[in-house]
Amino acid sequence: MKRILIATTALLAFAATASAASFGKPCTSEPEAKWMTLDAIRKIIEDHGYTVAKAKMKGTCAEVYARDADGKRIEFFIDPATGNPVGTDWKAPAAKGGA
């Protein structure tokens, strides 16, 4: 019984960590053939006033680590089909950059 409890707890902890990355839902349901490239996603983020440090595809999301105009670190989960952030909105740099 104790082993089952430990295994169940470990499985739930793993599932919670995996879903937290995309705010508990997939970023897109579009087929991968309709997704943008990471370079195109980087350009969208840079056009909103951020400096991209790292970007990668993670499941159905583009996970992007960037810095805003003040140097503050920001992590975005981007819908690769639309280029829009999931679970958040663009912050103040878009207004500063005039985009």
C-alpha atoms as a PDB file:
ATOM      1  CA  MET A   1       0.000   0.000   0.000  1.00  0.00           C
ATOM      2  CA  LYS A   2       2.793   2.374   0.893  1.00  0.00           C
ATOM      3  CA  ARG A   3       4.509   1.746  -2.475  1.00  0.00           C
ATOM      4  CA  ILE A   4       1.305   2.539  -4.350  1.00  0.00           C
ATOM      5  CA  LEU A   5       0.926   5.791  -2.426  1.00  0.00           C
ATOM      6  CA  ILE A   6       4.524   6.812  -3.172  1.00  0.00           C
ATOM      7  CA  ALA A   7       4.201   5.916  -6.860  1.00  0.00           C
ATOM      8  CA  THR A   8       0.925   7.818  -7.167  1.00  0.00           C
ATOM      9  CA  THR A   9       2.383  10.878  -5.457  1.00  0.00           C
ATOM     10  CA  ALA A  10       5.435  10.839  -7.739  1.00  0.00           C
ATOM     11  CA  LEU A  11       3.256  10.502 -10.830  1.00  0.00           C
ATOM     12  CA  LEU A  12       1.004  13.387  -9.783  1.00  0.00           C
ATOM     13  CA  ALA A  13       4.001  15.596  -9.028  1.00  0.00           C
ATOM     14  CA  PHE A  14       5.439  14.894 -12.491  1.00  0.00           C
ATOM     15  CA  ALA A  15       2.096  15.606 -14.185  1.00  0.00           C
ATOM     16  CA  ALA A  16       1.691  18.896 -12.296  1.00  0.00           C
ATOM     17  CA  THR A  17       5.171  20.021 -13.328  1.00  0.00           C
ATOM     18  CA  ALA A  18       4.573  19.137 -16.973  1.00  0.00           C
ATOM     19  CA  SER A  19       1.261  21.001 -17.197  1.00  0.00           C
ATOM     20  CA  ALA A  20       2.526  24.055 -15.318  1.00  0.00           C
ATOM     21  CA  ALA A  21       4.766  24.869 -18.261  1.00  0.00           C
ATOM     22  CA  SER A  22       1.809  25.771 -20.439  1.00  0.00           C
ATOM     23  CA  PHE A  23      -0.582  26.935 -17.728  1.00  0.00           C
ATOM     24  CA  GLY A  24      -2.343  23.579 -17.671  1.00  0.00           C
ATOM     25  CA  LYS A  25      -3.449  23.560 -21.298  1.00  0.00           C
ATOM     26  CA  PRO A  26      -1.826  23.058 -24.683  1.00  0.00           C
ATOM     27  CA  CYS A  27      -0.729  26.214 -26.471  1.00  0.00           C
ATOM     28  CA  THR A  28      -2.299  25.131 -29.746  1.00  0.00           C
ATOM     29  CA  SER A  29      -4.328  22.363 -31.290  1.00  0.00           C
ATOM     30  CA  GLU A  30      -3.150  23.242 -34.808  1.00  0.00           C
ATOM     31  CA  PRO A  31      -1.077  20.618 -36.638  1.00  0.00           C
ATOM     32  CA  GLU A  32       2.676  21.108 -36.533  1.00  0.00           C
ATOM     33  CA  ALA A  33       2.712  21.845 -40.280  1.00  0.00           C
ATOM     34  CA  LYS A  34       0.963  25.189 -39.521  1.00  0.00           C
ATOM     35  CA  TRP A  35       3.426  26.269 -36.818  1.00  0.00           C
ATOM     36  CA  MET A  36       5.865  29.150 -37.221  1.00  0.00           C
ATOM     37  CA  THR A  37       9.589  28.600 -36.987  1.00  0.00           C
ATOM     38  CA  LEU A  38      11.473  29.572 -33.836  1.00  0.00           C
ATOM     39  CA  ASP A  39      13.144  32.368 -35.822  1.00  0.00           C
ATOM     40  CA  ALA A  40       9.724  33.823 -36.734  1.00  0.00           C
ATOM     41  CA  ILE A  41       8.620  33.610 -33.090  1.00  0.00           C
ATOM     42  CA  ARG A  42      11.855  35.279 -31.956  1.00  0.00           C
ATOM     43  CA  LYS A  43      11.202  38.144 -34.390  1.00  0.00           C
ATOM     44  CA  ILE A  44       7.676  38.671 -33.016  1.00  0.00           C
ATOM     45  CA  ILE A  45       9.032  38.858 -29.472  1.00  0.00           C
ATOM     46  CA  GLU A  46      11.835  41.222 -30.474  1.00  0.00           C
ATOM     47  CA  ASP A  47       9.289  43.405 -32.301  1.00  0.00           C
ATOM     48  CA  HIS A  48       7.481  43.737 -28.951  1.00  0.00           C
ATOM     49  CA  GLY A  49      10.635  45.200 -27.368  1.00  0.00           C
ATOM     50  CA  TYR A  50      12.206  42.131 -25.759  1.00  0.00           C
ATOM     51  CA  THR A  51      15.678  40.660 -26.169  1.00  0.00           C
ATOM     52  CA  VAL A  52      15.482  36.896 -26.645  1.00  0.00           C
ATOM     53  CA  ALA A  53      18.055  34.880 -24.714  1.00  0.00           C
ATOM     54  CA  LYS A  54      16.799  31.371 -25.501  1.00  0.00           C
ATOM     55  CA  ALA A  55      13.883  29.802 -27.349  1.00  0.00           C
ATOM     56  CA  LYS A  56      12.841  26.174 -27.756  1.00  0.00           C
ATOM     57  CA  MET A  57       9.824  24.106 -28.669  1.00  0.00           C
ATOM     58  CA  LYS A  58       8.332  22.272 -25.700  1.00  0.00           C
ATOM     59  CA  GLY A  59       5.320  20.144 -26.538  1.00  0.00           C
ATOM     60  CA  THR A  60       2.776  22.362 -28.262  1.00  0.00           C
ATOM     61  CA  CYS A  61       4.402  25.596 -27.033  1.00  0.00           C
ATOM     62  CA  ALA A  62       7.371  27.703 -27.927  1.00  0.00           C
ATOM     63  CA  GLU A  63       9.113  28.419 -24.629  1.00  0.00           C
ATOM     64  CA  VAL A  64      11.018  31.698 -24.788  1.00  0.00           C
ATOM     65  CA  TYR A  65      13.320  33.267 -22.231  1.00  0.00           C
ATOM     66  CA  ALA A  66      13.804  36.990 -22.782  1.00  0.00           C
ATOM     67  CA  ARG A  67      14.627  40.286 -21.099  1.00  0.00           C
ATOM     68  CA  ASP A  68      12.543  43.426 -21.180  1.00  0.00           C
ATOM     69  CA  ALA A  69      13.889  46.943 -21.761  1.00  0.00           C
ATOM     70  CA  ASP A  70      14.838  47.207 -18.059  1.00  0.00           C
ATOM     71  CA  GLY A  71      16.782  43.914 -18.171  1.00  0.00           C
ATOM     72  CA  LYS A  72      14.163  41.974 -16.205  1.00  0.00           C
ATOM     73  CA  ARG A  73      13.933  38.273 -17.102  1.00  0.00           C
ATOM     74  CA  ILE A  74      10.645  37.112 -18.593  1.00  0.00           C
ATOM     75  CA  GLU A  75       9.502  33.671 -19.715  1.00  0.00           C
ATOM     76  CA  PHE A  76       6.838  33.368 -22.397  1.00  0.00           C
ATOM     77  CA  PHE A  77       4.878  30.380 -23.626  1.00  0.00           C
ATOM     78  CA  ILE A  78       3.950  31.192 -27.218  1.00  0.00           C
ATOM     79  CA  ASP A  79       1.303  29.572 -29.407  1.00  0.00           C
ATOM     80  CA  PRO A  80       3.430  28.514 -32.392  1.00  0.00           C
ATOM     81  CA  ALA A  81       0.453  28.765 -34.766  1.00  0.00           C
ATOM     82  CA  THR A  82      -0.424  32.399 -33.947  1.00  0.00           C
ATOM     83  CA  GLY A  83       2.675  33.849 -32.273  1.00  0.00           C
ATOM     84  CA  ASN A  84       0.602  35.048 -29.312  1.00  0.00           C
ATOM     85  CA  PRO A  85       1.558  34.488 -25.667  1.00  0.00           C
ATOM     86  CA  VAL A  86      -0.461  31.904 -23.726  1.00  0.00           C
ATOM     87  CA  GLY A  87      -1.594  32.699 -20.174  1.00  0.00           C
ATOM     88  CA  THR A  88      -0.278  36.253 -20.266  1.00  0.00           C
ATOM     89  CA  ASP A  89      -0.232  39.366 -22.426  1.00  0.00           C
ATOM     90  CA  TRP A  90       2.599  41.413 -23.856  1.00  0.00           C
ATOM     91  CA  LYS A  91       3.936  43.768 -21.208  1.00  0.00           C
ATOM     92  CA  ALA A  92       4.871  47.463 -21.319  1.00  0.00           C
ATOM     93  CA  PRO A  93       7.771  47.231 -23.839  1.00  0.00           C
ATOM     94  CA  ALA A  94       5.255  47.023 -26.685  1.00  0.00           C
ATOM     95  CA  ALA A  95       3.932  50.453 -25.712  1.00  0.00           C
ATOM     96  CA  LYS A  96       7.459  51.861 -25.293  1.00  0.00           C
ATOM     97  CA  GLY A  97       8.558  50.516 -28.668  1.00  0.00           C
ATOM     98  CA  GLY A  98       5.538  51.923 -30.461  1.00  0.00           C
ATOM     99  CA  ALA A  99       4.494  48.522 -31.766  1.00  0.00           C
END
